[in-house]
Amino acid sequence: MSPDKKTIGITNGNERILAALVAAGQFGSEIEAAKFAMAHAIERGVQRGTSEGAGTKWNVGSVDADGGLKAVVEALFPEEPQPYRLIEHLMNEGLKLFDKGDKLPPDVAGVLMNAAKA
């Protein structure tokens, strides 16, 4: 098995959604938006996987300075041998869930309202 990732990336197809979230002022940084997307993917039941074609965007230390994200992933997916690879996947899958074509920026408020109703 290969070692876990040292960098986290976003696929080319998801860069547009990530940029739209930040440009709309809904998040202070791309990392914050990506973490929200990850949480959305987890809430929606996205399963383990990998994101092919994800470039290098952030160092793991920038995304998860205190190890909290890794701890969450290890608790939710105890069989996962590569938590940072899964974090990258969940971020990308969460961004895909926000992609509604030309409807930008994504409806973050709607996501929060639907979660609150559940």
N, C-alpha and C. Protein backbone atom coordinates (compact mmCIF):
# COMPACT_ATOMS: atom_id res chain seq x y z
N MET A 1 0.84 -1.18 0.00
CA MET A 1 0.00 0.00 0.00
C MET A 1 0.88 1.24 0.00
N SER A 2 0.45 2.24 -0.74
CA SER A 2 1.21 3.49 -0.80
C SER A 2 0.97 4.32 0.46
N PRO A 3 1.92 5.18 0.79
CA PRO A 3 1.74 6.04 1.97
C PRO A 3 0.61 7.04 1.74
N ASP A 4 0.08 7.57 2.82
CA ASP A 4 -1.00 8.55 2.73
C ASP A 4 -0.49 9.83 2.07
N LYS A 5 -1.41 10.63 1.61
CA LYS A 5 -1.10 11.86 0.90
C LYS A 5 -0.42 12.88 1.81
N LYS A 6 0.44 13.67 1.23
CA LYS A 6 1.08 14.79 1.92
C LYS A 6 0.48 16.12 1.46
N THR A 7 -0.27 16.06 0.34
CA THR A 7 -0.94 17.25 -0.19
C THR A 7 -2.38 16.89 -0.52
N ILE A 8 -3.23 17.90 -0.49
CA ILE A 8 -4.65 17.75 -0.81
C ILE A 8 -4.90 18.56 -2.07
N GLY A 9 -5.67 17.99 -2.98
CA GLY A 9 -5.96 18.69 -4.23
C GLY A 9 -7.42 18.69 -4.58
N ILE A 10 -7.76 19.58 -5.48
CA ILE A 10 -9.12 19.71 -6.01
C ILE A 10 -9.04 19.41 -7.50
N THR A 11 -9.99 18.66 -8.01
CA THR A 11 -9.99 18.35 -9.44
C THR A 11 -10.29 19.61 -10.24
N ASN A 12 -9.88 19.61 -11.49
CA ASN A 12 -10.14 20.76 -12.36
C ASN A 12 -11.63 21.07 -12.43
N GLY A 13 -12.46 20.05 -12.50
CA GLY A 13 -13.91 20.26 -12.58
C GLY A 13 -14.51 20.90 -11.34
N ASN A 14 -13.86 20.75 -10.19
CA ASN A 14 -14.39 21.32 -8.95
C ASN A 14 -13.82 22.69 -8.62
N GLU A 15 -12.78 23.10 -9.31
CA GLU A 15 -12.17 24.41 -9.05
C GLU A 15 -13.19 25.55 -9.23
N ARG A 16 -14.06 25.43 -10.23
CA ARG A 16 -15.07 26.46 -10.50
C ARG A 16 -16.02 26.62 -9.33
N ILE A 17 -16.46 25.53 -8.76
CA ILE A 17 -17.39 25.56 -7.63
C ILE A 17 -16.69 26.15 -6.41
N LEU A 18 -15.48 25.72 -6.16
CA LEU A 18 -14.71 26.22 -5.02
C LEU A 18 -14.51 27.73 -5.15
N ALA A 19 -14.12 28.19 -6.31
CA ALA A 19 -13.91 29.62 -6.53
C ALA A 19 -15.20 30.40 -6.36
N ALA A 20 -16.32 29.84 -6.81
CA ALA A 20 -17.61 30.53 -6.68
C ALA A 20 -18.03 30.68 -5.22
N LEU A 21 -17.78 29.66 -4.42
CA LEU A 21 -18.10 29.75 -2.99
C LEU A 21 -17.34 30.88 -2.32
N VAL A 22 -16.07 30.98 -2.62
CA VAL A 22 -15.23 32.01 -2.00
C VAL A 22 -15.57 33.39 -2.57
N ALA A 23 -15.76 33.49 -3.87
CA ALA A 23 -16.06 34.78 -4.51
C ALA A 23 -17.38 35.37 -4.01
N ALA A 24 -18.32 34.51 -3.65
CA ALA A 24 -19.61 34.98 -3.15
C ALA A 24 -19.53 35.48 -1.72
N GLY A 25 -18.37 35.33 -1.11
CA GLY A 25 -18.20 35.82 0.26
C GLY A 25 -18.77 34.88 1.30
N GLN A 26 -19.07 33.65 0.91
CA GLN A 26 -19.65 32.70 1.85
C GLN A 26 -18.60 32.04 2.74
N PHE A 27 -17.35 32.12 2.32
CA PHE A 27 -16.25 31.55 3.09
C PHE A 27 -15.06 32.47 3.01
N GLY A 28 -14.25 32.48 4.03
CA GLY A 28 -13.09 33.34 4.07
C GLY A 28 -11.91 32.83 3.26
N SER A 29 -11.92 31.55 2.94
CA SER A 29 -10.82 30.98 2.17
C SER A 29 -11.30 29.73 1.44
N GLU A 30 -10.50 29.30 0.49
CA GLU A 30 -10.82 28.07 -0.22
C GLU A 30 -10.75 26.86 0.71
N ILE A 31 -9.84 26.89 1.67
CA ILE A 31 -9.74 25.76 2.61
C ILE A 31 -11.02 25.65 3.43
N GLU A 32 -11.55 26.77 3.90
CA GLU A 32 -12.81 26.73 4.66
C GLU A 32 -13.93 26.17 3.81
N ALA A 33 -14.02 26.60 2.56
CA ALA A 33 -15.08 26.12 1.66
C ALA A 33 -14.91 24.63 1.40
N ALA A 34 -13.68 24.17 1.21
CA ALA A 34 -13.44 22.76 0.96
C ALA A 34 -13.79 21.91 2.18
N LYS A 35 -13.51 22.41 3.37
CA LYS A 35 -13.87 21.68 4.59
C LYS A 35 -15.39 21.60 4.74
N PHE A 36 -16.09 22.67 4.40
CA PHE A 36 -17.55 22.64 4.43
C PHE A 36 -18.07 21.62 3.43
N ALA A 37 -17.48 21.59 2.25
CA ALA A 37 -17.88 20.61 1.23
C ALA A 37 -17.65 19.19 1.74
N MET A 38 -16.55 18.98 2.45
CA MET A 38 -16.27 17.67 3.03
C MET A 38 -17.36 17.28 4.03
N ALA A 39 -17.74 18.22 4.90
CA ALA A 39 -18.80 17.95 5.88
C ALA A 39 -20.12 17.63 5.18
N HIS A 40 -20.40 18.36 4.11
CA HIS A 40 -21.63 18.12 3.34
C HIS A 40 -21.60 16.71 2.73
N ALA A 41 -20.47 16.30 2.21
CA ALA A 41 -20.36 14.96 1.63
C ALA A 41 -20.58 13.89 2.70
N ILE A 42 -20.02 14.08 3.87
CA ILE A 42 -20.21 13.13 4.96
C ILE A 42 -21.68 13.07 5.35
N GLU A 43 -22.30 14.24 5.48
CA GLU A 43 -23.71 14.31 5.86
C GLU A 43 -24.60 13.62 4.83
N ARG A 44 -24.22 13.68 3.57
CA ARG A 44 -25.00 13.07 2.50
C ARG A 44 -24.65 11.59 2.29
N GLY A 45 -23.75 11.06 3.08
CA GLY A 45 -23.46 9.63 3.03
C GLY A 45 -22.49 9.20 1.95
N VAL A 46 -21.66 10.11 1.46
CA VAL A 46 -20.67 9.74 0.47
C VAL A 46 -19.74 8.68 1.07
N GLN A 47 -19.48 7.67 0.30
CA GLN A 47 -18.66 6.55 0.77
C GLN A 47 -17.19 6.76 0.45
N ARG A 48 -16.37 5.87 0.97
CA ARG A 48 -14.93 5.91 0.73
C ARG A 48 -14.63 5.88 -0.76
N GLY A 49 -13.51 6.48 -1.11
CA GLY A 49 -13.07 6.48 -2.50
C GLY A 49 -11.85 7.36 -2.64
N THR A 50 -11.46 7.60 -3.87
CA THR A 50 -10.35 8.49 -4.16
C THR A 50 -10.77 9.45 -5.26
N SER A 51 -10.10 10.56 -5.36
CA SER A 51 -10.38 11.55 -6.39
C SER A 51 -9.25 11.54 -7.40
N GLU A 52 -9.52 10.93 -8.53
CA GLU A 52 -8.52 10.89 -9.59
C GLU A 52 -8.43 12.26 -10.24
N GLY A 53 -7.22 12.66 -10.55
CA GLY A 53 -7.01 13.93 -11.23
C GLY A 53 -6.97 15.14 -10.32
N ALA A 54 -6.93 14.92 -9.02
CA ALA A 54 -6.84 16.05 -8.09
C ALA A 54 -5.40 16.54 -8.08
N GLY A 55 -5.20 17.79 -8.41
CA GLY A 55 -3.86 18.37 -8.41
C GLY A 55 -3.42 18.71 -6.99
N THR A 56 -2.26 19.27 -6.88
CA THR A 56 -1.75 19.70 -5.59
C THR A 56 -2.23 21.11 -5.31
N LYS A 57 -2.93 21.30 -4.21
CA LYS A 57 -3.44 22.62 -3.85
C LYS A 57 -2.90 23.06 -2.49
N TRP A 58 -2.99 22.19 -1.51
CA TRP A 58 -2.59 22.53 -0.15
C TRP A 58 -1.75 21.42 0.45
N ASN A 59 -0.85 21.80 1.32
CA ASN A 59 -0.12 20.86 2.15
C ASN A 59 -1.06 20.37 3.24
N VAL A 60 -0.93 19.12 3.63
CA VAL A 60 -1.78 18.56 4.69
C VAL A 60 -1.74 19.43 5.95
N GLY A 61 -0.58 19.96 6.29
CA GLY A 61 -0.45 20.80 7.48
C GLY A 61 -1.25 22.08 7.40
N SER A 62 -1.49 22.58 6.21
CA SER A 62 -2.32 23.78 6.04
C SER A 62 -3.80 23.47 6.20
N VAL A 63 -4.19 22.30 5.76
CA VAL A 63 -5.60 21.89 5.82
C VAL A 63 -5.97 21.37 7.20
N ASP A 64 -5.05 20.70 7.84
CA ASP A 64 -5.36 20.01 9.09
C ASP A 64 -4.23 20.20 10.11
N ALA A 65 -4.00 21.44 10.47
CA ALA A 65 -2.87 21.79 11.35
C ALA A 65 -2.91 21.05 12.69
N ASP A 66 -4.10 20.85 13.24
CA ASP A 66 -4.19 20.22 14.56
C ASP A 66 -4.56 18.74 14.51
N GLY A 67 -4.73 18.20 13.30
CA GLY A 67 -5.07 16.78 13.16
C GLY A 67 -6.54 16.47 13.40
N GLY A 68 -7.37 17.50 13.57
CA GLY A 68 -8.79 17.28 13.84
C GLY A 68 -9.54 16.60 12.71
N LEU A 69 -9.26 17.00 11.47
CA LEU A 69 -9.95 16.36 10.33
C LEU A 69 -9.58 14.89 10.23
N LYS A 70 -8.31 14.60 10.41
CA LYS A 70 -7.87 13.21 10.38
C LYS A 70 -8.58 12.41 11.46
N ALA A 71 -8.72 12.97 12.65
CA ALA A 71 -9.39 12.28 13.75
C ALA A 71 -10.86 12.01 13.43
N VAL A 72 -11.52 12.97 12.80
CA VAL A 72 -12.92 12.78 12.41
C VAL A 72 -13.04 11.65 11.40
N VAL A 73 -12.20 11.67 10.39
CA VAL A 73 -12.24 10.64 9.36
C VAL A 73 -11.93 9.27 9.95
N GLU A 74 -10.95 9.21 10.83
CA GLU A 74 -10.62 7.93 11.45
C GLU A 74 -11.76 7.41 12.32
N ALA A 75 -12.51 8.31 12.95
CA ALA A 75 -13.65 7.89 13.77
C ALA A 75 -14.82 7.43 12.90
N LEU A 76 -15.07 8.13 11.80
CA LEU A 76 -16.20 7.79 10.93
C LEU A 76 -15.91 6.63 9.99
N PHE A 77 -14.66 6.48 9.63
CA PHE A 77 -14.24 5.44 8.68
C PHE A 77 -13.05 4.68 9.29
N PRO A 78 -13.29 3.88 10.34
CA PRO A 78 -12.18 3.26 11.07
C PRO A 78 -11.34 2.29 10.23
N GLU A 79 -11.85 1.81 9.14
CA GLU A 79 -11.10 0.89 8.28
C GLU A 79 -10.24 1.61 7.25
N GLU A 80 -10.33 2.95 7.20
CA GLU A 80 -9.60 3.72 6.19
C GLU A 80 -8.11 3.80 6.53
N PRO A 81 -7.24 3.23 5.67
CA PRO A 81 -5.81 3.27 5.94
C PRO A 81 -5.15 4.59 5.53
N GLN A 82 -5.82 5.40 4.71
CA GLN A 82 -5.24 6.65 4.21
C GLN A 82 -6.23 7.80 4.42
N PRO A 83 -6.30 8.32 5.64
CA PRO A 83 -7.31 9.34 5.94
C PRO A 83 -7.19 10.61 5.11
N TYR A 84 -5.99 11.04 4.77
CA TYR A 84 -5.88 12.28 3.99
C TYR A 84 -6.31 12.07 2.54
N ARG A 85 -6.11 10.89 2.02
CA ARG A 85 -6.62 10.59 0.68
C ARG A 85 -8.16 10.64 0.71
N LEU A 86 -8.75 10.13 1.78
CA LEU A 86 -10.21 10.17 1.92
C LEU A 86 -10.70 11.60 2.12
N ILE A 87 -9.99 12.40 2.89
CA ILE A 87 -10.36 13.81 3.06
C ILE A 87 -10.41 14.50 1.71
N GLU A 88 -9.41 14.28 0.89
CA GLU A 88 -9.39 14.86 -0.45
C GLU A 88 -10.61 14.41 -1.25
N HIS A 89 -10.92 13.13 -1.19
CA HIS A 89 -12.08 12.59 -1.90
C HIS A 89 -13.38 13.23 -1.41
N LEU A 90 -13.54 13.31 -0.10
CA LEU A 90 -14.77 13.89 0.46
C LEU A 90 -14.91 15.37 0.09
N MET A 91 -13.82 16.10 0.09
CA MET A 91 -13.87 17.50 -0.33
C MET A 91 -14.33 17.60 -1.78
N ASN A 92 -13.77 16.80 -2.64
CA ASN A 92 -14.13 16.84 -4.05
C ASN A 92 -15.56 16.37 -4.29
N GLU A 93 -15.98 15.34 -3.60
CA GLU A 93 -17.35 14.86 -3.75
C GLU A 93 -18.35 15.88 -3.21
N GLY A 94 -18.00 16.54 -2.12
CA GLY A 94 -18.87 17.59 -1.58
C GLY A 94 -19.02 18.75 -2.55
N LEU A 95 -17.92 19.13 -3.19
CA LEU A 95 -17.99 20.20 -4.20
C LEU A 95 -18.86 19.76 -5.38
N LYS A 96 -18.75 18.50 -5.78
CA LYS A 96 -19.61 17.98 -6.86
C LYS A 96 -21.08 18.09 -6.48
N LEU A 97 -21.39 17.81 -5.23
CA LEU A 97 -22.78 17.90 -4.78
C LEU A 97 -23.32 19.32 -4.90
N PHE A 98 -22.45 20.31 -4.77
CA PHE A 98 -22.85 21.71 -4.92
C PHE A 98 -23.01 22.13 -6.37
N ASP A 99 -22.47 21.36 -7.29
CA ASP A 99 -22.47 21.75 -8.71
C ASP A 99 -23.86 21.58 -9.31
N LYS A 100 -24.50 22.70 -9.57
CA LYS A 100 -25.83 22.71 -10.20
C LYS A 100 -25.75 23.38 -11.56
N GLY A 101 -24.65 23.16 -12.25
CA GLY A 101 -24.47 23.74 -13.58
C GLY A 101 -24.16 25.21 -13.50
N ASP A 102 -24.98 26.01 -14.17
CA ASP A 102 -24.74 27.44 -14.24
C ASP A 102 -25.25 28.21 -13.02
N LYS A 103 -25.90 27.53 -12.09
CA LYS A 103 -26.45 28.20 -10.91
C LYS A 103 -25.32 28.42 -9.90
N LEU A 104 -24.71 29.59 -10.00
CA LEU A 104 -23.62 29.94 -9.10
C LEU A 104 -23.95 31.23 -8.37
N PRO A 105 -23.56 31.42 -7.16
CA PRO A 105 -22.81 30.47 -6.35
C PRO A 105 -23.73 29.36 -5.84
N PRO A 106 -23.14 28.27 -5.41
CA PRO A 106 -23.93 27.18 -4.84
C PRO A 106 -24.74 27.64 -3.64
N ASP A 107 -25.85 26.99 -3.40
CA ASP A 107 -26.78 27.36 -2.34
C ASP A 107 -26.36 26.78 -1.00
N VAL A 108 -25.43 27.41 -0.35
CA VAL A 108 -24.94 26.95 0.95
C VAL A 108 -26.03 27.11 2.02
N ALA A 109 -26.75 28.20 1.99
CA ALA A 109 -27.81 28.44 2.97
C ALA A 109 -28.87 27.34 2.88
N GLY A 110 -29.21 26.92 1.68
CA GLY A 110 -30.19 25.85 1.49
C GLY A 110 -29.70 24.55 2.10
N VAL A 111 -28.43 24.28 1.97
CA VAL A 111 -27.84 23.07 2.54
C VAL A 111 -27.96 23.12 4.06
N LEU A 112 -27.65 24.27 4.63
CA LEU A 112 -27.72 24.40 6.08
C LEU A 112 -29.16 24.30 6.57
N MET A 113 -30.08 24.88 5.85
CA MET A 113 -31.50 24.82 6.25
C MET A 113 -32.03 23.38 6.17
N ASN A 114 -31.67 22.67 5.11
CA ASN A 114 -32.11 21.28 4.98
C ASN A 114 -31.52 20.41 6.07
N ALA A 115 -30.29 20.64 6.44
CA ALA A 115 -29.65 19.88 7.51
C ALA A 115 -30.34 20.16 8.85
N ALA A 116 -30.73 21.41 9.06
CA ALA A 116 -31.38 21.78 10.32
C ALA A 116 -32.77 21.13 10.43
N LYS A 117 -33.43 20.92 9.32
CA LYS A 117 -34.76 20.30 9.32
C LYS A 117 -34.68 18.81 9.59
N ALA A 118 -33.56 18.20 9.25
CA ALA A 118 -33.43 16.74 9.37
C ALA A 118 -33.29 16.27 10.78
